[in-house]
């Protein structure tokens, strides 16, 4: 990916639910691991609420990566 990959809004919106849920799962698992050092656990609902804003930058990165793969497969890079 030597060129700057353009993020398309359609692909961004298509991938957002998957990326946000992956962020929520990772946050919940991180909360479970925090219990071993004495910190409070993150509830599943709190992880889902936190994934809404945290999913946006993660989704932007994933969309750039997927768009780069699509461009490479179509010979545009």
N, C-alpha and C. Protein backbone atom coordinates (compact mmCIF):
# COMPACT_ATOMS: atom_id res chain seq x y z
N UNK A 1 0.82 -1.17 0.00
CA UNK A 1 0.00 0.00 0.00
C UNK A 1 0.87 1.25 0.00
N UNK A 2 1.46 1.53 -1.12
CA UNK A 2 2.32 2.69 -1.18
C UNK A 2 1.52 3.98 -1.37
N UNK A 3 0.42 3.93 -2.12
CA UNK A 3 -0.42 5.10 -2.30
C UNK A 3 -1.37 5.26 -1.12
N UNK A 4 -1.89 6.48 -0.96
CA UNK A 4 -2.88 6.74 0.07
C UNK A 4 -4.20 6.09 -0.36
N UNK A 5 -4.72 5.18 0.44
CA UNK A 5 -5.96 4.49 0.12
C UNK A 5 -7.15 5.34 0.55
N UNK A 6 -8.09 5.53 -0.37
CA UNK A 6 -9.27 6.33 -0.07
C UNK A 6 -10.31 5.44 0.61
N UNK A 7 -10.87 5.93 1.70
CA UNK A 7 -11.90 5.19 2.42
C UNK A 7 -13.25 5.54 1.80
N UNK A 8 -13.95 4.53 1.30
CA UNK A 8 -15.27 4.76 0.72
C UNK A 8 -16.33 4.65 1.81
N UNK A 9 -17.29 5.58 1.83
CA UNK A 9 -18.31 5.56 2.87
C UNK A 9 -19.16 4.29 2.87
N UNK A 10 -19.40 3.75 1.69
CA UNK A 10 -20.23 2.53 1.59
C UNK A 10 -19.55 1.35 2.29
N UNK A 11 -18.26 1.18 2.03
CA UNK A 11 -17.51 0.10 2.66
C UNK A 11 -17.36 0.35 4.15
N UNK A 12 -17.17 1.62 4.54
CA UNK A 12 -17.05 1.99 5.94
C UNK A 12 -18.31 1.58 6.71
N UNK A 13 -19.48 1.91 6.16
CA UNK A 13 -20.74 1.57 6.82
C UNK A 13 -21.01 0.08 6.81
N UNK A 14 -20.56 -0.60 5.77
CA UNK A 14 -20.76 -2.05 5.70
C UNK A 14 -19.94 -2.78 6.76
N UNK A 15 -18.72 -2.33 6.99
CA UNK A 15 -17.84 -3.01 7.93
C UNK A 15 -18.02 -2.58 9.38
N UNK A 16 -18.69 -1.44 9.62
CA UNK A 16 -18.78 -0.91 10.98
C UNK A 16 -19.40 -1.88 11.99
N UNK A 17 -20.52 -2.54 11.71
CA UNK A 17 -21.09 -3.45 12.72
C UNK A 17 -20.13 -4.56 13.13
N UNK A 18 -19.40 -5.10 12.18
CA UNK A 18 -18.47 -6.18 12.49
C UNK A 18 -17.29 -5.68 13.32
N UNK A 19 -16.77 -4.51 12.94
CA UNK A 19 -15.65 -3.93 13.67
C UNK A 19 -16.05 -3.53 15.08
N UNK A 20 -17.22 -2.90 15.22
CA UNK A 20 -17.67 -2.45 16.54
C UNK A 20 -17.90 -3.65 17.46
N UNK A 21 -18.48 -4.72 16.95
CA UNK A 21 -18.69 -5.90 17.80
C UNK A 21 -17.37 -6.58 18.16
N UNK A 22 -16.40 -6.54 17.27
CA UNK A 22 -15.08 -7.09 17.61
C UNK A 22 -14.43 -6.26 18.71
N UNK A 23 -14.60 -4.95 18.65
CA UNK A 23 -14.08 -4.08 19.71
C UNK A 23 -14.79 -4.39 21.02
N UNK A 24 -16.10 -4.59 20.99
CA UNK A 24 -16.86 -4.89 22.21
C UNK A 24 -16.40 -6.21 22.83
N UNK A 25 -16.18 -7.22 22.02
CA UNK A 25 -15.72 -8.51 22.53
C UNK A 25 -14.34 -8.36 23.17
N UNK A 26 -13.46 -7.62 22.51
CA UNK A 26 -12.12 -7.42 23.06
C UNK A 26 -12.15 -6.62 24.36
N UNK A 27 -13.01 -5.61 24.44
CA UNK A 27 -13.14 -4.85 25.69
C UNK A 27 -13.65 -5.72 26.82
N UNK A 28 -14.64 -6.56 26.54
CA UNK A 28 -15.18 -7.44 27.57
C UNK A 28 -14.13 -8.44 28.04
N UNK A 29 -13.38 -9.01 27.11
CA UNK A 29 -12.32 -9.96 27.49
C UNK A 29 -11.22 -9.26 28.28
N UNK A 30 -10.90 -8.02 27.91
CA UNK A 30 -9.92 -7.25 28.67
C UNK A 30 -10.42 -7.02 30.09
N UNK A 31 -11.72 -6.73 30.23
CA UNK A 31 -12.30 -6.56 31.55
C UNK A 31 -12.23 -7.82 32.39
N UNK A 32 -12.37 -8.97 31.74
CA UNK A 32 -12.25 -10.23 32.47
C UNK A 32 -10.82 -10.47 32.94
N UNK A 33 -9.86 -10.09 32.09
CA UNK A 33 -8.46 -10.26 32.48
C UNK A 33 -8.06 -9.29 33.58
N UNK A 34 -8.68 -8.11 33.62
CA UNK A 34 -8.39 -7.13 34.67
C UNK A 34 -8.70 -7.66 36.05
N UNK A 35 -9.63 -8.61 36.15
CA UNK A 35 -10.00 -9.16 37.45
C UNK A 35 -8.83 -9.84 38.14
N UNK A 36 -7.89 -10.33 37.38
CA UNK A 36 -6.76 -11.04 37.98
C UNK A 36 -5.84 -10.11 38.77
N UNK A 37 -5.87 -8.81 38.44
CA UNK A 37 -5.05 -7.86 39.18
C UNK A 37 -5.89 -7.01 40.13
N UNK A 38 -7.14 -7.38 40.31
CA UNK A 38 -7.98 -6.72 41.29
C UNK A 38 -8.82 -5.58 40.78
N UNK A 39 -8.81 -5.30 39.50
CA UNK A 39 -9.64 -4.23 38.94
C UNK A 39 -11.05 -4.77 38.68
N UNK A 40 -12.04 -3.89 38.65
CA UNK A 40 -13.42 -4.37 38.41
C UNK A 40 -13.61 -4.81 36.96
N UNK A 41 -14.50 -5.75 36.79
CA UNK A 41 -14.81 -6.28 35.47
C UNK A 41 -15.66 -5.29 34.68
N UNK A 42 -15.56 -5.31 33.35
CA UNK A 42 -16.41 -4.50 32.48
C UNK A 42 -17.62 -5.37 32.13
N UNK A 43 -18.82 -4.85 32.35
CA UNK A 43 -20.03 -5.61 32.03
C UNK A 43 -20.20 -5.67 30.52
N UNK A 44 -20.94 -6.66 30.02
CA UNK A 44 -21.17 -6.74 28.58
C UNK A 44 -21.88 -5.49 28.03
N UNK A 45 -22.81 -4.94 28.81
CA UNK A 45 -23.52 -3.74 28.36
C UNK A 45 -22.56 -2.55 28.27
N UNK A 46 -21.69 -2.41 29.24
CA UNK A 46 -20.72 -1.32 29.22
C UNK A 46 -19.77 -1.48 28.03
N UNK A 47 -19.39 -2.71 27.72
CA UNK A 47 -18.52 -2.94 26.56
C UNK A 47 -19.23 -2.58 25.27
N UNK A 48 -20.52 -2.89 25.17
CA UNK A 48 -21.28 -2.52 23.97
C UNK A 48 -21.43 -1.01 23.84
N UNK A 49 -21.63 -0.33 24.95
CA UNK A 49 -21.75 1.13 24.90
C UNK A 49 -20.42 1.76 24.52
N UNK A 50 -19.34 1.25 25.09
CA UNK A 50 -18.01 1.81 24.80
C UNK A 50 -17.55 1.51 23.38
N UNK A 51 -18.07 0.45 22.78
CA UNK A 51 -17.61 0.07 21.44
C UNK A 51 -18.13 1.03 20.37
N UNK A 52 -19.20 1.78 20.65
CA UNK A 52 -19.75 2.69 19.63
C UNK A 52 -18.72 3.76 19.25
N UNK A 53 -18.17 4.53 20.19
CA UNK A 53 -17.16 5.51 19.76
C UNK A 53 -15.79 4.88 19.47
N UNK A 54 -15.43 3.82 20.19
CA UNK A 54 -14.12 3.21 19.97
C UNK A 54 -14.08 2.41 18.66
N UNK A 55 -15.23 2.03 18.16
CA UNK A 55 -15.28 1.29 16.91
C UNK A 55 -15.01 2.14 15.69
N UNK A 56 -15.19 3.46 15.80
CA UNK A 56 -14.99 4.34 14.64
C UNK A 56 -13.54 4.38 14.16
N UNK A 57 -12.55 4.66 15.03
CA UNK A 57 -11.17 4.65 14.52
C UNK A 57 -10.70 3.25 14.09
N UNK A 58 -11.16 2.25 14.81
CA UNK A 58 -10.78 0.88 14.42
C UNK A 58 -11.39 0.54 13.06
N UNK A 59 -12.61 0.96 12.83
CA UNK A 59 -13.26 0.69 11.56
C UNK A 59 -12.61 1.47 10.42
N UNK A 60 -12.16 2.70 10.69
CA UNK A 60 -11.47 3.47 9.66
C UNK A 60 -10.20 2.74 9.22
N UNK A 61 -9.45 2.21 10.19
CA UNK A 61 -8.22 1.49 9.85
C UNK A 61 -8.53 0.21 9.08
N UNK A 62 -9.53 -0.55 9.51
CA UNK A 62 -9.90 -1.79 8.85
C UNK A 62 -10.41 -1.51 7.44
N UNK A 63 -11.19 -0.44 7.28
CA UNK A 63 -11.71 -0.10 5.95
C UNK A 63 -10.57 0.27 5.00
N UNK A 64 -9.58 1.02 5.50
CA UNK A 64 -8.41 1.34 4.66
C UNK A 64 -7.68 0.07 4.25
N UNK A 65 -7.54 -0.86 5.18
CA UNK A 65 -6.83 -2.11 4.89
C UNK A 65 -7.59 -2.92 3.84
N UNK A 66 -8.91 -3.08 4.03
CA UNK A 66 -9.72 -3.86 3.09
C UNK A 66 -9.75 -3.18 1.72
N UNK A 67 -9.87 -1.85 1.70
CA UNK A 67 -9.87 -1.14 0.42
C UNK A 67 -8.53 -1.30 -0.29
N UNK A 68 -7.44 -1.33 0.46
CA UNK A 68 -6.14 -1.59 -0.14
C UNK A 68 -6.06 -2.98 -0.74
N UNK A 69 -6.63 -3.96 -0.05
CA UNK A 69 -6.66 -5.32 -0.60
C UNK A 69 -7.51 -5.39 -1.87
N UNK A 70 -8.64 -4.68 -1.88
CA UNK A 70 -9.49 -4.65 -3.07
C UNK A 70 -8.76 -3.98 -4.23
N UNK A 71 -8.10 -2.87 -3.94
CA UNK A 71 -7.34 -2.16 -4.99
C UNK A 71 -6.24 -3.05 -5.54
N UNK A 72 -5.55 -3.76 -4.67
CA UNK A 72 -4.46 -4.65 -5.12
C UNK A 72 -5.02 -5.78 -5.98
N UNK A 73 -6.16 -6.35 -5.58
CA UNK A 73 -6.74 -7.45 -6.33
C UNK A 73 -7.23 -6.99 -7.70
N UNK A 74 -7.69 -5.76 -7.79
CA UNK A 74 -8.16 -5.23 -9.07
C UNK A 74 -7.05 -4.58 -9.89
N UNK A 75 -5.83 -4.59 -9.38
CA UNK A 75 -4.69 -4.06 -10.12
C UNK A 75 -4.60 -2.54 -10.14
N UNK A 76 -5.20 -1.87 -9.16
CA UNK A 76 -5.17 -0.41 -9.12
C UNK A 76 -3.99 0.14 -8.35
N UNK A 77 -3.20 -0.70 -7.70
CA UNK A 77 -2.10 -0.16 -6.88
C UNK A 77 -0.81 -0.05 -7.63
